[in-house]
Amino acid sequence: MAKARHAVQGAKTDQKLREIRGKVEKRFLDEGFYSDAQADELFALIDTKREIVSGQEVAS
């Protein structure tokens, strides 16, 4: 969980965040690696970071 949070925080592009989301979804759905609450938390972090990154890309 800490590694996933760190990866989200360090991501600088929307593409990277989409890749991370795909990995989280795979681990949550296929492997049961994350609990519902953990997956929800990570998805919220990813979505928030995507909004920030998208805003920065538009401003550039």
N, C-alpha and C. Protein backbone atom coordinates (compact mmCIF):
# COMPACT_ATOMS: atom_id res chain seq x y z
N MET A 1 0.83 -1.19 0.00
CA MET A 1 0.00 0.00 0.00
C MET A 1 0.88 1.25 0.00
N ALA A 2 1.92 1.25 0.81
CA ALA A 2 2.81 2.41 0.88
C ALA A 2 3.51 2.63 -0.47
N LYS A 3 3.90 1.55 -1.12
CA LYS A 3 4.56 1.67 -2.43
C LYS A 3 3.61 2.28 -3.46
N ALA A 4 2.36 1.85 -3.42
CA ALA A 4 1.37 2.38 -4.36
C ALA A 4 1.14 3.86 -4.11
N ARG A 5 1.01 4.25 -2.85
CA ARG A 5 0.83 5.67 -2.52
C ARG A 5 2.01 6.49 -3.02
N HIS A 6 3.21 5.98 -2.78
CA HIS A 6 4.43 6.67 -3.20
C HIS A 6 4.47 6.81 -4.73
N ALA A 7 4.07 5.76 -5.44
CA ALA A 7 4.06 5.81 -6.90
C ALA A 7 3.08 6.87 -7.40
N VAL A 8 1.92 6.95 -6.76
CA VAL A 8 0.92 7.96 -7.16
C VAL A 8 1.48 9.36 -6.91
N GLN A 9 2.07 9.56 -5.76
CA GLN A 9 2.60 10.88 -5.42
C GLN A 9 3.72 11.29 -6.37
N GLY A 10 4.51 10.33 -6.84
CA GLY A 10 5.63 10.63 -7.71
C GLY A 10 5.29 10.73 -9.19
N ALA A 11 4.10 10.29 -9.56
CA ALA A 11 3.70 10.30 -10.97
C ALA A 11 3.56 11.74 -11.47
N LYS A 12 4.08 11.97 -12.66
CA LYS A 12 4.07 13.33 -13.21
C LYS A 12 3.22 13.46 -14.47
N THR A 13 2.71 12.33 -14.98
CA THR A 13 1.89 12.39 -16.19
C THR A 13 0.59 11.62 -15.99
N ASP A 14 -0.41 12.01 -16.76
CA ASP A 14 -1.69 11.31 -16.73
C ASP A 14 -1.51 9.86 -17.17
N GLN A 15 -0.66 9.64 -18.16
CA GLN A 15 -0.41 8.28 -18.66
C GLN A 15 0.12 7.38 -17.54
N LYS A 16 1.07 7.88 -16.77
CA LYS A 16 1.64 7.09 -15.67
C LYS A 16 0.56 6.78 -14.63
N LEU A 17 -0.28 7.75 -14.34
CA LEU A 17 -1.35 7.53 -13.37
C LEU A 17 -2.35 6.49 -13.88
N ARG A 18 -2.63 6.50 -15.18
CA ARG A 18 -3.52 5.47 -15.75
C ARG A 18 -2.89 4.09 -15.63
N GLU A 19 -1.57 4.01 -15.83
CA GLU A 19 -0.87 2.73 -15.68
C GLU A 19 -0.96 2.23 -14.23
N ILE A 20 -0.75 3.13 -13.29
CA ILE A 20 -0.83 2.77 -11.87
C ILE A 20 -2.24 2.29 -11.54
N ARG A 21 -3.25 3.02 -12.03
CA ARG A 21 -4.64 2.63 -11.77
C ARG A 21 -4.92 1.22 -12.32
N GLY A 22 -4.41 0.93 -13.50
CA GLY A 22 -4.58 -0.40 -14.09
C GLY A 22 -3.97 -1.48 -13.22
N LYS A 23 -2.79 -1.21 -12.69
CA LYS A 23 -2.13 -2.18 -11.81
C LYS A 23 -2.92 -2.38 -10.53
N VAL A 24 -3.42 -1.28 -9.96
CA VAL A 24 -4.21 -1.38 -8.73
C VAL A 24 -5.49 -2.18 -9.00
N GLU A 25 -6.16 -1.88 -10.12
CA GLU A 25 -7.38 -2.62 -10.47
C GLU A 25 -7.09 -4.11 -10.62
N LYS A 26 -6.00 -4.44 -11.30
CA LYS A 26 -5.64 -5.85 -11.50
C LYS A 26 -5.38 -6.52 -10.16
N ARG A 27 -4.61 -5.88 -9.31
CA ARG A 27 -4.29 -6.47 -8.01
C ARG A 27 -5.52 -6.58 -7.13
N PHE A 28 -6.44 -5.62 -7.24
CA PHE A 28 -7.66 -5.63 -6.43
C PHE A 28 -8.65 -6.68 -6.95
N LEU A 29 -8.91 -6.67 -8.25
CA LEU A 29 -9.94 -7.54 -8.82
C LEU A 29 -9.45 -8.97 -9.02
N ASP A 30 -8.28 -9.13 -9.59
CA ASP A 30 -7.80 -10.46 -9.96
C ASP A 30 -7.08 -11.19 -8.83
N GLU A 31 -6.35 -10.44 -8.04
CA GLU A 31 -5.48 -11.07 -7.05
C GLU A 31 -5.95 -10.89 -5.62
N GLY A 32 -6.90 -9.99 -5.39
CA GLY A 32 -7.37 -9.75 -4.02
C GLY A 32 -6.30 -9.16 -3.12
N PHE A 33 -5.33 -8.47 -3.72
CA PHE A 33 -4.20 -7.93 -2.97
C PHE A 33 -4.63 -6.79 -2.05
N TYR A 34 -5.55 -5.95 -2.53
CA TYR A 34 -6.03 -4.82 -1.74
C TYR A 34 -7.45 -5.09 -1.24
N SER A 35 -7.74 -4.59 -0.05
CA SER A 35 -9.12 -4.65 0.46
C SER A 35 -9.95 -3.60 -0.28
N ASP A 36 -11.26 -3.65 -0.10
CA ASP A 36 -12.14 -2.65 -0.72
C ASP A 36 -11.74 -1.24 -0.29
N ALA A 37 -11.50 -1.08 0.99
CA ALA A 37 -11.15 0.25 1.53
C ALA A 37 -9.82 0.74 0.97
N GLN A 38 -8.84 -0.15 0.88
CA GLN A 38 -7.54 0.24 0.34
C GLN A 38 -7.65 0.63 -1.13
N ALA A 39 -8.39 -0.16 -1.90
CA ALA A 39 -8.56 0.15 -3.32
C ALA A 39 -9.28 1.48 -3.48
N ASP A 40 -10.33 1.71 -2.69
CA ASP A 40 -11.05 2.98 -2.77
C ASP A 40 -10.13 4.16 -2.46
N GLU A 41 -9.29 3.99 -1.44
CA GLU A 41 -8.35 5.05 -1.08
C GLU A 41 -7.37 5.34 -2.22
N LEU A 42 -6.83 4.28 -2.80
CA LEU A 42 -5.88 4.46 -3.90
C LEU A 42 -6.55 5.08 -5.13
N PHE A 43 -7.76 4.65 -5.44
CA PHE A 43 -8.47 5.23 -6.58
C PHE A 43 -8.73 6.71 -6.36
N ALA A 44 -9.08 7.09 -5.14
CA ALA A 44 -9.32 8.50 -4.82
C ALA A 44 -8.02 9.30 -4.96
N LEU A 45 -6.91 8.74 -4.48
CA LEU A 45 -5.62 9.42 -4.62
C LEU A 45 -5.25 9.60 -6.09
N ILE A 46 -5.45 8.54 -6.87
CA ILE A 46 -5.13 8.60 -8.29
C ILE A 46 -5.99 9.64 -8.99
N ASP A 47 -7.28 9.63 -8.72
CA ASP A 47 -8.19 10.59 -9.36
C ASP A 47 -7.82 12.03 -9.01
N THR A 48 -7.50 12.26 -7.75
CA THR A 48 -7.11 13.61 -7.32
C THR A 48 -5.82 14.04 -8.00
N LYS A 49 -4.85 13.14 -8.05
CA LYS A 49 -3.57 13.46 -8.69
C LYS A 49 -3.75 13.69 -10.18
N ARG A 50 -4.65 12.93 -10.83
CA ARG A 50 -4.91 13.14 -12.25
C ARG A 50 -5.48 14.53 -12.50
N GLU A 51 -6.35 14.99 -11.62
CA GLU A 51 -6.90 16.34 -11.76
C GLU A 51 -5.80 17.39 -11.66
N ILE A 52 -4.89 17.19 -10.72
CA ILE A 52 -3.77 18.12 -10.53
C ILE A 52 -2.87 18.11 -11.75
N VAL A 53 -2.49 16.92 -12.20
CA VAL A 53 -1.59 16.79 -13.35
C VAL A 53 -2.25 17.36 -14.60
N SER A 54 -3.52 17.08 -14.80
CA SER A 54 -4.23 17.60 -15.97
C SER A 54 -4.26 19.12 -15.95
N GLY A 55 -4.47 19.70 -14.79
CA GLY A 55 -4.46 21.15 -14.65
C GLY A 55 -3.11 21.74 -14.97
N GLN A 56 -2.05 21.06 -14.57
CA GLN A 56 -0.70 21.55 -14.85
C GLN A 56 -0.39 21.44 -16.34
N GLU A 57 -0.87 20.36 -16.98
CA GLU A 57 -0.62 20.19 -18.41
C GLU A 57 -1.34 21.26 -19.21
N VAL A 58 -2.55 21.60 -18.81
CA VAL A 58 -3.33 22.63 -19.50
C VAL A 58 -2.68 24.00 -19.32
N ALA A 59 -2.16 24.26 -18.12
CA ALA A 59 -1.55 25.56 -17.82
C ALA A 59 -0.23 25.76 -18.56
N SER A 60 0.42 24.68 -18.94
CA SER A 60 1.72 24.79 -19.60
C SER A 60 1.62 25.29 -21.01
